[in-house]
Amino acid sequence: MITVYASAAFVMIELAGNLSEPLNLPTSISTIVIIVLAVGFPPAIILSWLYDLSSGSFERTRPMEDIQEEEKAKVPNAWKIATYVSFLVIAGLVVFNIVSRGDVLKPGMIQSLAILPFDNFTGDQRLDYVAAGMHTALIGDMGRLGKLRVSGKNSSSIFKNSGKSAPEIARELDVEALVEPAVMYYGDSIIIQIKLITLYPKEKQLFVEDYMVDNSQVLHLFSKISKRIADEIMIELSPEEERLFAKSRTVDREAYDEYLKALSSVDFTRESLYKDLEYLNKAIEKEPDWAPLYAGLANTWMGIQQMGIESTAITSPNIYKNLNNALELDPDLSDSHHLSAMIAYLMEWNWKKSEKEFLKALAINPNDAVSRVFYAHLLFILQRYDEAIQQAQLALELDPLNPNMKIWASVVFTLDDPKSFLEVGEEVAAADPNYYMAYAVIEAAAFYCGDYNKVMEATKHVLAEKVDFKEVDRIFGESGFVAAEEEILRQLELIAQNGFVSPVDMAIRYLWVDQPDKAMEWFEKGFEVRDPNMSYIGSTEELFDNPRFIEILQKMNLPLP
């Protein structure tokens, strides 16, 4: 009897697995069948031990010594035939699985996905910003799926018009599926086409669908697309994800258009950042209660502060005002919690609050690579190095081709290895010769490698708008690095009399010319004005024996060396 049970169980499990997709049954049906059969297996063993199945009835098992020779059971031909048939069915199902089921998608097969840049099929190249902004928005929406790794925007954007095949792109991004989206029409209504391709176990188009909605319903459309893709690749949403995707609202067309313009921006120049402020403020005139607009303003003011374009006296009030508006309007917006975390560790030096906000942001959007890498920075600042490395690695997995991500992650991986830090900066600068952050990395790393020629060349990019390098070059050629750096400091000190320079940058440069007292004056000024870069001073080894420096670390509640 136990053989019959086992054979029947195998057939039922295979039928459940093979028929659930064609019959559109729940993906959990196989699991349910297995559980039921597993629960029934122990009783089947007990019953087979206690009872015998004879022709026509069940009989309690008798001791062998009580059974006469003529009473011993003979297997009827019908049972033999049934056994042979069951073996044939089992063999058939095994062959079917091997031959026919290899390319059938099953739950868990696809755990990573990249959304390629939207193609602009509207016929109007002026609407490229719409395609770029929608790309960012859909990645943010899909990023809320915790069981799916979604590649970051910067990495996927690299493949726009690259001419590479789907398998090539998937291989470079290390993903198992690709979404190829397109904007077909953009006006009072929006038409978007979504194509989903799986590369596992072989390349196959899972679906292609067109979506047309009124422009005001675009936010609901992104949630609908995200859920459709999740269903297709058999990812079950958690109750919290269901709640987040169920949230929706209408948005004014003109406001959304201005928002897309700001969202498509990729530069950190003064001109670009102030243009973003203009776009977002115009949008707020039409949609004064839409949280992403205020989060965008807070983020832009943060960028202005980080780039040293304005002092904290100007930027801080604007950051706080807009961030508070965003959090009040929508507490489920991951961008707002990310900004709150950044402010807590860059401006407030409230490490506990920062970690809490980073974890909130990542709970809402686990695929937010930027939150992960700056959470790694926070952990690194707090000397929790193993955790920092883990988060930085996750961030790189999410956005592996993003030059920003390479540099940000390298702060965690290579800060104690200036040669490797320099290599990262040079790699990024070679890919983008106009990238400011790459030269900031090269400048600092080259100094600690003792390559002063590279320091001076990088400084020309970092301080291009502030320093007259004609005189600096002359001094460098005649008197060497220290004299040239002192000339740079002289010019920056003049700017500081009536303008803004970063106190931490000044302090580091004074350390380069071996003037620790002047460095401390600027670090103390950085503490007074809450220079965002002060959060990173804990690794300044040159001042570990300086009481004034240790006092600042204690005031900031930073771990001591």
Protein backbone atom coordinates (compact mmCIF):
# COMPACT_ATOMS: atom_id res chain seq x y z
CA MET A 1 0.00 0.00 0.00
CA ILE A 2 2.88 2.38 0.76
CA THR A 3 4.18 1.84 -2.81
CA VAL A 4 0.77 2.80 -4.21
CA TYR A 5 0.70 5.91 -1.99
CA ALA A 6 4.18 6.98 -3.05
CA SER A 7 3.43 6.46 -6.74
CA ALA A 8 0.15 8.34 -6.53
CA ALA A 9 1.79 11.15 -4.56
CA PHE A 10 4.49 11.54 -7.19
CA VAL A 11 1.92 11.70 -9.98
CA MET A 12 -0.18 14.29 -8.10
CA ILE A 13 2.83 16.51 -7.39
CA GLU A 14 3.94 16.39 -11.02
CA LEU A 15 0.43 17.11 -12.30
CA ALA A 16 0.10 20.08 -9.95
CA GLY A 17 3.42 21.49 -11.09
CA ASN A 18 2.79 20.93 -14.81
CA LEU A 19 -0.85 22.04 -14.94
CA SER A 20 -0.81 25.05 -12.61
CA GLU A 21 0.40 27.44 -15.32
CA PRO A 22 -1.77 26.22 -18.26
CA LEU A 23 -4.88 26.17 -16.04
CA ASN A 24 -3.96 29.55 -14.47
CA LEU A 25 -3.94 28.03 -10.98
CA PRO A 26 -2.29 29.84 -8.04
CA THR A 27 1.50 29.46 -7.99
CA SER A 28 1.21 28.06 -4.47
CA ILE A 29 -0.84 25.03 -5.57
CA SER A 30 2.25 22.77 -5.81
CA THR A 31 3.29 23.72 -2.30
CA ILE A 32 -0.19 22.99 -0.95
CA VAL A 33 -0.26 19.55 -2.62
CA ILE A 34 3.17 18.66 -1.22
CA ILE A 35 2.16 19.71 2.30
CA VAL A 36 -1.08 17.70 2.18
CA LEU A 37 0.70 14.60 0.88
CA ALA A 38 3.49 14.96 3.44
CA VAL A 39 0.94 15.15 6.23
CA GLY A 40 -0.72 12.00 4.88
CA PHE A 41 2.51 10.03 4.56
CA PRO A 42 2.93 8.98 8.27
CA PRO A 43 -0.68 7.67 8.52
CA ALA A 44 -0.11 5.77 5.26
CA ILE A 45 2.96 4.06 6.77
CA ILE A 46 1.03 3.14 9.94
CA LEU A 47 -1.95 1.81 7.99
CA SER A 48 0.26 -0.22 5.65
CA TRP A 49 1.86 -1.82 8.70
CA LEU A 50 -1.45 -2.60 10.43
CA TYR A 51 -3.54 -3.64 7.41
CA ASP A 52 -3.20 -5.64 4.22
CA LEU A 53 -5.00 -4.83 1.01
CA SER A 54 -6.59 -8.02 -0.29
CA SER A 55 -8.99 -8.51 -3.14
CA GLY A 56 -12.12 -6.65 -2.24
CA SER A 57 -11.26 -5.52 1.30
CA PHE A 58 -8.76 -4.33 3.92
CA GLU A 59 -7.74 -6.89 6.54
CA ARG A 60 -5.73 -6.45 9.70
CA THR A 61 -2.23 -7.82 9.25
CA ARG A 62 -1.83 -11.29 10.81
CA PRO A 63 1.42 -12.74 12.18
CA MET A 64 3.30 -14.77 9.55
CA GLU A 65 3.15 -17.97 11.64
CA ASP A 66 -0.70 -17.83 11.57
CA ILE A 67 -0.89 -17.74 7.77
CA GLN A 68 -1.28 -21.01 5.89
CA GLU A 69 0.61 -21.49 2.65
CA GLU A 70 -2.57 -21.49 0.59
CA GLU A 71 -3.66 -18.21 2.28
CA LYS A 72 -0.59 -16.23 1.30
CA ALA A 73 -1.57 -13.29 -0.88
CA LYS A 74 -1.17 -13.57 -4.57
CA VAL A 75 -0.98 -10.34 -6.51
CA PRO A 76 -3.88 -10.16 -8.97
CA ASN A 77 -3.12 -9.41 -12.60
CA ALA A 78 -5.08 -6.16 -12.30
CA TRP A 79 -2.69 -4.90 -9.60
CA LYS A 80 0.30 -5.91 -11.72
CA ILE A 81 -1.14 -3.99 -14.66
CA ALA A 82 -1.83 -0.96 -12.43
CA THR A 83 1.74 -1.05 -11.14
CA TYR A 84 3.18 -1.21 -14.66
CA VAL A 85 0.92 1.63 -15.79
CA SER A 86 1.93 3.78 -12.81
CA PHE A 87 5.61 3.21 -13.61
CA LEU A 88 4.95 4.24 -17.22
CA VAL A 89 3.12 7.39 -16.08
CA ILE A 90 5.96 8.29 -13.72
CA ALA A 91 8.54 7.73 -16.45
CA GLY A 92 6.46 9.83 -18.85
CA LEU A 93 6.25 12.70 -16.38
CA VAL A 94 9.99 12.59 -15.78
CA VAL A 95 10.66 12.70 -19.53
CA PHE A 96 8.10 15.51 -19.92
CA ASN A 97 9.88 17.55 -17.23
CA ILE A 98 13.26 17.04 -18.87
CA VAL A 99 12.20 17.64 -22.48
CA SER A 100 9.27 20.03 -22.31
CA ARG A 101 9.53 21.96 -19.05
CA GLY A 102 13.06 23.28 -19.30
CA ASP A 103 11.93 26.66 -20.66
CA VAL A 104 8.82 27.12 -18.50
CA LEU A 105 9.13 29.96 -16.03
CA LYS A 106 8.73 28.98 -12.40
CA PRO A 107 8.60 31.05 -9.21
CA GLY A 108 12.07 32.09 -8.10
CA MET A 109 13.67 31.70 -11.54
CA ILE A 110 13.87 35.47 -12.08
CA GLN A 111 15.32 37.36 -9.12
CA SER A 112 16.96 40.27 -10.97
CA LEU A 113 15.83 42.66 -13.65
CA ALA A 114 16.94 45.82 -15.46
CA ILE A 115 14.67 48.48 -16.92
CA LEU A 116 16.28 49.86 -20.06
CA PRO A 117 15.88 53.55 -21.02
CA PHE A 118 12.53 54.47 -22.54
CA ASP A 119 12.59 54.79 -26.31
CA ASN A 120 11.02 58.03 -27.50
CA PHE A 121 8.68 56.98 -30.30
CA THR A 122 6.59 60.16 -30.15
CA GLY A 123 8.38 61.57 -33.17
CA ASP A 124 9.41 64.65 -31.17
CA GLN A 125 13.01 64.67 -29.92
CA ARG A 126 12.15 67.56 -27.63
CA LEU A 127 10.33 64.99 -25.48
CA ASP A 128 13.50 63.05 -24.67
CA TYR A 129 13.28 64.46 -21.15
CA VAL A 130 9.90 62.72 -20.80
CA ALA A 131 11.47 59.37 -21.65
CA ALA A 132 14.38 60.00 -19.27
CA GLY A 133 12.11 61.10 -16.41
CA MET A 134 9.75 58.15 -16.86
CA HIS A 135 12.74 55.81 -16.80
CA THR A 136 13.70 57.14 -13.37
CA ALA A 137 10.09 56.96 -12.14
CA LEU A 138 9.50 53.35 -13.25
CA ILE A 139 12.78 52.17 -11.71
CA GLY A 140 11.77 53.83 -8.43
CA ASP A 141 8.37 52.16 -8.57
CA MET A 142 9.72 48.69 -9.39
CA GLY A 143 12.41 49.13 -6.74
CA ARG A 144 9.81 48.64 -4.03
CA LEU A 145 9.72 44.90 -4.82
CA GLY A 146 11.87 43.38 -2.12
CA LYS A 147 12.19 39.96 -3.79
CA LEU A 148 13.56 41.45 -7.00
CA ARG A 149 16.94 43.11 -7.61
CA VAL A 150 16.35 46.07 -9.92
CA SER A 151 19.39 47.65 -11.56
CA GLY A 152 19.92 51.36 -10.96
CA LYS A 153 19.15 54.06 -13.49
CA ASN A 154 22.73 55.08 -14.21
CA SER A 155 23.83 51.55 -15.03
CA SER A 156 20.87 50.78 -17.27
CA SER A 157 21.06 54.20 -18.99
CA ILE A 158 24.49 53.34 -20.38
CA PHE A 159 22.85 50.98 -22.86
CA LYS A 160 20.70 53.62 -24.55
CA ASN A 161 21.41 53.32 -28.29
CA SER A 162 24.31 50.98 -27.50
CA GLY A 163 23.36 48.48 -30.18
CA LYS A 164 24.04 45.62 -27.78
CA SER A 165 21.84 42.54 -27.74
CA ALA A 166 19.61 41.64 -24.81
CA PRO A 167 21.89 38.77 -23.66
CA GLU A 168 24.92 41.08 -23.77
CA ILE A 169 23.18 43.73 -21.67
CA ALA A 170 21.88 41.16 -19.20
CA ARG A 171 25.35 39.68 -18.85
CA GLU A 172 26.98 43.07 -18.15
CA LEU A 173 24.32 43.98 -15.59
CA ASP A 174 24.13 40.42 -14.20
CA VAL A 175 20.33 40.24 -14.47
CA GLU A 176 17.91 37.55 -15.60
CA ALA A 177 15.28 39.73 -17.29
CA LEU A 178 14.99 43.03 -19.14
CA VAL A 179 12.17 45.53 -19.52
CA GLU A 180 12.20 47.44 -22.82
CA PRO A 181 9.83 50.43 -22.43
CA ALA A 182 8.82 53.10 -24.93
CA VAL A 183 6.80 56.32 -24.93
CA MET A 184 4.49 56.13 -27.94
CA TYR A 185 2.50 59.32 -27.31
CA TYR A 186 2.66 62.16 -24.79
CA GLY A 187 -0.06 64.79 -24.57
CA ASP A 188 -3.43 64.91 -22.84
CA SER A 189 -3.10 61.15 -22.80
CA ILE A 190 -0.03 58.93 -22.54
CA ILE A 191 0.67 55.73 -24.43
CA ILE A 192 3.47 53.53 -23.10
CA GLN A 193 4.62 50.18 -24.50
CA ILE A 194 6.21 47.64 -22.19
CA LYS A 195 8.13 44.61 -23.42
CA LEU A 196 9.38 42.02 -20.91
CA ILE A 197 12.16 39.65 -21.93
CA THR A 198 13.60 36.83 -19.87
CA LEU A 199 17.11 35.51 -20.47
CA TYR A 200 16.70 32.47 -18.22
CA PRO A 201 16.81 29.61 -19.02
CA LYS A 202 16.86 31.02 -22.57
CA GLU A 203 15.86 34.28 -24.26
CA LYS A 204 12.11 34.60 -24.49
CA GLN A 205 9.65 37.48 -24.76
CA LEU A 206 7.18 37.07 -21.91
CA PHE A 207 4.80 39.80 -23.02
CA VAL A 208 4.47 43.07 -24.89
CA GLU A 209 1.61 45.38 -23.98
CA ASP A 210 0.47 48.93 -24.71
CA TYR A 211 -0.99 51.10 -21.96
CA MET A 212 -3.00 54.25 -22.64
CA VAL A 213 -4.16 56.53 -19.83
CA ASP A 214 -5.10 60.12 -19.27
CA ASN A 215 -1.99 62.14 -18.40
CA SER A 216 -3.28 62.74 -14.87
CA GLN A 217 -3.31 58.96 -14.21
CA VAL A 218 0.35 58.36 -15.01
CA LEU A 219 1.33 57.61 -11.39
CA HIS A 220 -1.29 54.86 -11.18
CA LEU A 221 -0.02 53.53 -14.51
CA PHE A 222 3.49 52.93 -13.15
CA SER A 223 2.08 50.94 -10.23
CA LYS A 224 -0.05 48.91 -12.64
CA ILE A 225 2.97 48.13 -14.83
CA SER A 226 5.08 47.14 -11.83
CA LYS A 227 2.41 44.74 -10.56
CA ARG A 228 1.93 43.29 -14.05
CA ILE A 229 5.65 42.54 -14.35
CA ALA A 230 5.70 41.05 -10.84
CA ASP A 231 2.80 38.75 -11.75
CA GLU A 232 4.47 37.67 -14.99
CA ILE A 233 7.73 36.67 -13.32
CA MET A 234 5.82 35.08 -10.44
CA ILE A 235 6.89 37.36 -7.61
CA GLU A 236 4.36 37.42 -4.80
CA LEU A 237 3.87 40.83 -3.22
CA SER A 238 4.00 41.18 0.55
CA PRO A 239 1.03 42.85 2.30
CA GLU A 240 3.14 46.01 2.75
CA GLU A 241 4.06 46.06 -0.95
CA GLU A 242 0.40 45.59 -1.85
CA ARG A 243 -0.42 48.61 0.33
CA LEU A 244 2.24 50.78 -1.25
CA PHE A 245 1.23 49.86 -4.80
CA ALA A 246 -2.42 50.48 -4.00
CA LYS A 247 -1.66 54.12 -3.17
CA SER A 248 -2.32 56.40 -6.09
CA ARG A 249 -3.27 59.94 -7.01
CA THR A 250 -3.86 62.12 -10.02
CA VAL A 251 -1.36 64.78 -11.00
CA ASP A 252 -1.66 67.95 -13.08
CA ARG A 253 -0.20 67.49 -16.56
CA GLU A 254 1.88 70.68 -16.52
CA ALA A 255 3.16 69.95 -13.02
CA TYR A 256 4.19 66.43 -14.03
CA ASP A 257 5.90 67.79 -17.12
CA GLU A 258 8.04 70.17 -15.03
CA TYR A 259 8.77 67.34 -12.60
CA LEU A 260 10.02 65.14 -15.46
CA LYS A 261 12.36 67.91 -16.59
CA ALA A 262 13.93 68.05 -13.12
CA LEU A 263 13.97 64.25 -12.84
CA SER A 264 15.86 63.88 -16.13
CA SER A 265 18.67 66.19 -15.00
CA VAL A 266 22.05 64.52 -14.50
CA ASP A 267 24.41 67.45 -13.93
CA PHE A 268 25.63 68.94 -10.65
CA THR A 269 26.67 72.29 -12.10
CA ARG A 270 25.39 75.57 -10.66
CA GLU A 271 23.36 76.24 -13.80
CA SER A 272 21.75 72.79 -13.83
CA LEU A 273 20.91 72.76 -10.11
CA TYR A 274 19.26 76.18 -10.21
CA LYS A 275 17.34 75.17 -13.33
CA ASP A 276 16.00 72.18 -11.38
CA LEU A 277 14.81 74.55 -8.63
CA GLU A 278 12.96 76.52 -11.29
CA TYR A 279 11.25 73.42 -12.72
CA LEU A 280 10.16 72.15 -9.30
CA ASN A 281 8.85 75.49 -8.06
CA LYS A 282 6.77 75.83 -11.24
CA ALA A 283 5.34 72.37 -10.61
CA ILE A 284 4.43 73.26 -7.02
CA GLU A 285 2.33 76.17 -8.29
CA LYS A 286 0.11 73.55 -9.98
CA GLU A 287 0.41 70.72 -7.40
CA PRO A 288 1.11 72.24 -3.97
CA ASP A 289 0.36 68.99 -2.09
CA TRP A 290 2.47 66.48 -4.09
CA ALA A 291 5.31 65.23 -1.88
CA PRO A 292 7.90 64.28 -4.57
CA LEU A 293 8.16 67.93 -5.63
CA TYR A 294 9.25 69.01 -2.14
CA ALA A 295 11.60 66.04 -1.85
CA GLY A 296 13.10 67.12 -5.17
CA LEU A 297 13.61 70.67 -3.90
CA ALA A 298 15.24 69.44 -0.70
CA ASN A 299 17.52 67.15 -2.70
CA THR A 300 18.50 69.94 -5.09
CA TRP A 301 19.35 72.31 -2.23
CA MET A 302 21.39 69.50 -0.71
CA GLY A 303 23.32 69.21 -3.98
CA ILE A 304 23.93 72.97 -3.99
CA GLN A 305 25.30 72.67 -0.46
CA GLN A 306 27.45 69.61 -1.17
CA MET A 307 29.01 71.22 -4.24
CA GLY A 308 29.97 74.26 -2.16
CA ILE A 309 27.90 76.60 -4.34
CA GLU A 310 26.15 78.25 -1.38
CA SER A 311 26.82 78.37 2.35
CA THR A 312 24.82 76.35 4.85
CA ALA A 313 23.20 79.60 6.05
CA ILE A 314 21.39 79.73 2.69
CA THR A 315 20.92 76.04 1.95
CA SER A 316 19.91 74.63 5.35
CA PRO A 317 16.60 76.52 5.79
CA ASN A 318 15.53 75.52 2.27
CA ILE A 319 16.48 71.89 2.82
CA TYR A 320 14.57 71.57 6.10
CA LYS A 321 11.49 73.44 4.92
CA ASN A 322 11.03 71.30 1.83
CA LEU A 323 11.94 68.02 3.51
CA ASN A 324 9.41 68.58 6.30
CA ASN A 325 6.73 69.31 3.69
CA ALA A 326 7.54 66.10 1.82
CA LEU A 327 7.46 63.92 4.96
CA GLU A 328 4.20 65.45 6.11
CA LEU A 329 2.50 64.98 2.73
CA ASP A 330 3.68 61.38 2.20
CA PRO A 331 5.46 59.41 4.95
CA ASP A 332 5.84 56.47 2.52
CA LEU A 333 8.14 58.32 0.11
CA SER A 334 11.55 56.64 0.29
CA ASP A 335 13.31 59.69 -1.17
CA SER A 336 12.21 61.78 1.80
CA HIS A 337 13.57 59.30 4.34
CA HIS A 338 16.82 59.07 2.36
CA LEU A 339 17.19 62.85 2.54
CA SER A 340 16.31 62.86 6.23
CA ALA A 341 19.04 60.28 6.82
CA MET A 342 21.56 62.30 4.81
CA ILE A 343 20.77 65.48 6.72
CA ALA A 344 20.99 63.68 10.06
CA TYR A 345 24.56 62.55 9.40
CA LEU A 346 25.88 65.41 7.24
CA MET A 347 24.34 68.37 9.07
CA GLU A 348 22.91 67.31 12.43
CA TRP A 349 25.52 64.65 13.28
CA ASN A 350 22.69 62.61 14.74
CA TRP A 351 23.98 59.16 13.92
CA LYS A 352 21.13 57.22 15.53
CA LYS A 353 18.47 59.19 13.66
CA SER A 354 20.40 58.81 10.42
CA GLU A 355 20.52 55.03 10.68
CA LYS A 356 16.82 54.88 11.53
CA GLU A 357 15.93 56.96 8.46
CA PHE A 358 18.20 54.98 6.14
CA LEU A 359 16.54 51.77 7.28
CA LYS A 360 13.10 53.31 6.66
CA ALA A 361 14.12 54.34 3.15
CA LEU A 362 15.46 50.86 2.40
CA ALA A 363 12.37 49.18 3.85
CA ILE A 364 10.25 51.12 1.33
CA ASN A 365 12.69 50.74 -1.57
CA PRO A 366 15.23 47.93 -1.00
CA ASN A 367 16.73 48.60 -4.43
CA ASP A 368 17.77 52.18 -3.65
CA ALA A 369 21.51 51.92 -4.31
CA VAL A 370 22.19 55.51 -3.24
CA SER A 371 20.62 54.95 0.18
CA ARG A 372 22.63 51.74 0.56
CA VAL A 373 25.99 53.30 -0.30
CA PHE A 374 25.50 56.28 2.00
CA TYR A 375 24.25 53.99 4.74
CA ALA A 376 27.59 52.24 4.17
CA HIS A 377 29.31 55.61 4.66
CA LEU A 378 27.47 56.13 7.94
CA LEU A 379 28.50 52.68 9.16
CA PHE A 380 32.08 53.39 8.08
CA ILE A 381 32.09 56.71 9.98
CA LEU A 382 30.86 54.82 13.06
CA GLN A 383 33.68 52.29 12.58
CA ARG A 384 31.28 49.41 11.90
CA TYR A 385 33.46 48.31 9.02
CA ASP A 386 32.10 44.83 8.26
CA GLU A 387 28.54 46.16 7.99
CA ALA A 388 29.76 49.09 5.88
CA ILE A 389 31.47 46.79 3.38
CA GLN A 390 28.36 44.59 3.11
CA GLN A 391 26.11 47.58 2.29
CA ALA A 392 28.63 49.03 -0.17
CA GLN A 393 28.82 45.68 -1.98
CA LEU A 394 25.01 45.57 -2.24
CA ALA A 395 24.99 49.10 -3.63
CA LEU A 396 27.52 48.15 -6.31
CA GLU A 397 25.49 45.08 -7.25
CA LEU A 398 22.45 47.31 -7.76
CA ASP A 399 24.22 49.98 -9.82
CA PRO A 400 27.51 48.43 -10.99
CA LEU A 401 28.23 50.73 -13.94
CA ASN A 402 27.39 54.03 -12.23
CA PRO A 403 30.59 56.12 -11.88
CA ASN A 404 29.18 57.84 -8.79
CA MET A 405 28.57 54.47 -7.19
CA LYS A 406 32.11 53.30 -7.92
CA ILE A 407 33.53 56.40 -6.23
CA TRP A 408 31.13 56.38 -3.28
CA ALA A 409 31.72 52.67 -2.65
CA SER A 410 35.48 53.11 -2.96
CA VAL A 411 35.38 55.41 0.08
CA VAL A 412 34.47 52.31 2.10
CA PHE A 413 36.64 49.81 0.24
CA THR A 414 39.86 51.72 -0.40
CA LEU A 415 40.20 54.73 1.91
CA ASP A 416 43.16 53.05 3.62
CA ASP A 417 44.58 52.06 0.23
CA PRO A 418 45.33 55.32 -1.67
CA LYS A 419 46.74 53.49 -4.69
CA SER A 420 43.47 51.61 -5.25
CA PHE A 421 41.51 54.80 -4.51
CA LEU A 422 43.57 56.59 -7.19
CA GLU A 423 42.87 53.81 -9.69
CA VAL A 424 39.12 54.19 -9.17
CA GLY A 425 39.31 57.94 -9.73
CA GLU A 426 41.39 57.55 -12.88
CA GLU A 427 39.08 54.87 -14.26
CA VAL A 428 36.04 57.10 -13.82
CA ALA A 429 37.84 60.18 -15.19
CA ALA A 430 38.92 58.21 -18.28
CA ALA A 431 35.28 57.29 -18.93
CA ASP A 432 34.09 60.87 -18.33
CA PRO A 433 36.87 63.50 -18.57
CA ASN A 434 34.52 66.22 -17.29
CA TYR A 435 33.42 64.43 -14.13
CA TYR A 436 34.19 66.63 -11.11
CA MET A 437 34.03 63.93 -8.42
CA ALA A 438 36.60 61.77 -10.21
CA TYR A 439 39.18 64.56 -9.96
CA ALA A 440 38.40 65.18 -6.29
CA VAL A 441 39.26 61.52 -5.68
CA ILE A 442 42.41 61.69 -7.84
CA GLU A 443 43.58 64.84 -6.05
CA ALA A 444 43.33 63.35 -2.55
CA ALA A 445 44.58 59.86 -3.47
CA ALA A 446 47.52 61.16 -5.52
CA PHE A 447 48.69 63.26 -2.58
CA TYR A 448 48.90 60.23 -0.31
CA CYS A 449 50.64 58.32 -3.11
CA GLY A 450 53.20 61.12 -3.35
CA ASP A 451 52.39 61.89 -7.00
CA TYR A 452 52.26 65.70 -6.84
CA ASN A 453 52.04 66.19 -10.60
CA LYS A 454 48.75 64.29 -10.59
CA VAL A 455 47.61 66.30 -7.57
CA MET A 456 48.12 69.58 -9.41
CA GLU A 457 46.46 68.38 -12.61
CA ALA A 458 43.41 67.16 -10.65
CA THR A 459 43.26 70.40 -8.63
CA LYS A 460 42.86 72.34 -11.89
CA HIS A 461 39.55 70.53 -12.39
CA VAL A 462 38.43 70.72 -8.75
CA LEU A 463 39.11 74.47 -8.35
CA ALA A 464 38.73 75.55 -11.96
CA GLU A 465 36.25 78.32 -11.12
CA LYS A 466 38.07 79.64 -8.04
CA VAL A 467 41.83 79.69 -8.61
CA ASP A 468 44.13 81.38 -11.17
CA PHE A 469 46.38 78.46 -12.11
CA LYS A 470 48.76 80.46 -14.29
CA GLU A 471 50.59 81.69 -11.19
CA VAL A 472 50.18 78.33 -9.43
CA ASP A 473 51.82 76.52 -12.36
CA ARG A 474 54.76 78.92 -12.35
CA ILE A 475 55.36 78.42 -8.64
CA PHE A 476 54.98 74.65 -8.92
CA GLY A 477 57.60 74.54 -11.66
CA GLU A 478 60.04 76.74 -9.76
CA SER A 479 59.50 75.84 -6.10
CA GLY A 480 57.55 72.60 -5.95
CA PHE A 481 54.29 71.32 -4.55
CA VAL A 482 54.18 72.92 -1.09
CA ALA A 483 54.80 76.44 -2.44
CA ALA A 484 52.16 75.93 -5.16
CA GLU A 485 49.62 74.66 -2.62
CA GLU A 486 50.34 77.67 -0.39
CA GLU A 487 49.53 79.92 -3.35
CA ILE A 488 46.25 78.07 -3.83
CA LEU A 489 45.47 78.60 -0.14
CA ARG A 490 46.34 82.29 -0.40
CA GLN A 491 43.82 82.74 -3.23
CA LEU A 492 41.15 80.70 -1.41
CA GLU A 493 41.65 82.77 1.78
CA LEU A 494 40.90 85.92 -0.25
CA ILE A 495 37.71 84.31 -1.60
CA ALA A 496 36.69 83.30 1.93
CA GLN A 497 36.71 86.94 3.06
CA ASN A 498 33.63 87.71 0.98
CA GLY A 499 32.45 84.34 -0.30
CA PHE A 500 32.15 80.68 0.57
CA VAL A 501 34.84 78.01 0.60
CA SER A 502 34.56 74.62 2.27
CA PRO A 503 36.20 74.73 5.73
CA VAL A 504 37.08 71.03 5.56
CA ASP A 505 38.69 71.48 2.14
CA MET A 506 40.77 74.33 3.54
CA ALA A 507 41.76 72.28 6.60
CA ILE A 508 42.91 69.34 4.46
CA ARG A 509 44.99 71.62 2.22
CA TYR A 510 46.70 73.15 5.26
CA LEU A 511 47.56 69.64 6.43
CA TRP A 512 49.12 69.00 3.00
CA VAL A 513 51.52 71.91 3.59
CA ASP A 514 52.18 70.79 7.18
CA GLN A 515 50.35 73.62 8.96
CA PRO A 516 48.25 71.73 11.57
CA ASP A 517 47.33 74.85 13.56
CA LYS A 518 45.77 76.51 10.51
CA ALA A 519 44.08 73.20 9.70
CA MET A 520 42.55 73.14 13.17
CA GLU A 521 41.25 76.72 12.77
CA TRP A 522 39.37 75.65 9.68
CA PHE A 523 38.12 72.40 11.25
CA GLU A 524 36.78 74.46 14.17
CA LYS A 525 35.11 76.81 11.71
CA GLY A 526 33.67 73.76 9.93
CA PHE A 527 32.22 72.65 13.25
CA GLU A 528 30.67 76.09 13.84
CA VAL A 529 29.01 76.31 10.39
CA ARG A 530 28.28 72.56 10.27
CA ASP A 531 30.17 71.87 7.09
CA PRO A 532 28.67 68.58 5.77
CA ASN A 533 32.15 67.18 5.13
CA MET A 534 32.92 67.32 8.86
CA SER A 535 31.24 63.91 9.22
CA TYR A 536 34.27 62.31 7.53
CA ILE A 537 37.08 63.88 9.58
CA GLY A 538 37.42 60.86 11.87
CA SER A 539 39.96 59.33 9.48
CA THR A 540 42.33 62.35 9.61
CA GLU A 541 45.30 60.48 11.09
CA GLU A 542 47.59 63.54 11.07
CA LEU A 543 45.62 65.01 13.99
CA PHE A 544 44.96 61.93 16.13
CA ASP A 545 47.29 63.30 18.82
CA ASN A 546 45.88 66.83 18.69
CA PRO A 547 43.69 67.66 21.76
CA ARG A 548 41.69 70.26 19.82
CA PHE A 549 40.87 67.67 17.17
CA ILE A 550 39.87 65.05 19.73
CA GLU A 551 37.60 67.62 21.37
CA ILE A 552 35.77 68.17 18.09
CA LEU A 553 35.29 64.41 17.65
CA GLN A 554 33.82 64.21 21.15
CA LYS A 555 31.45 67.12 20.49
CA MET A 556 30.26 65.41 17.33
CA ASN A 557 29.85 62.06 19.14
CA LEU A 558 32.18 60.44 16.63
CA PRO A 559 34.17 57.35 17.63
CA LEU A 560 37.64 58.24 18.84
CA PRO A 561 40.71 56.92 16.98
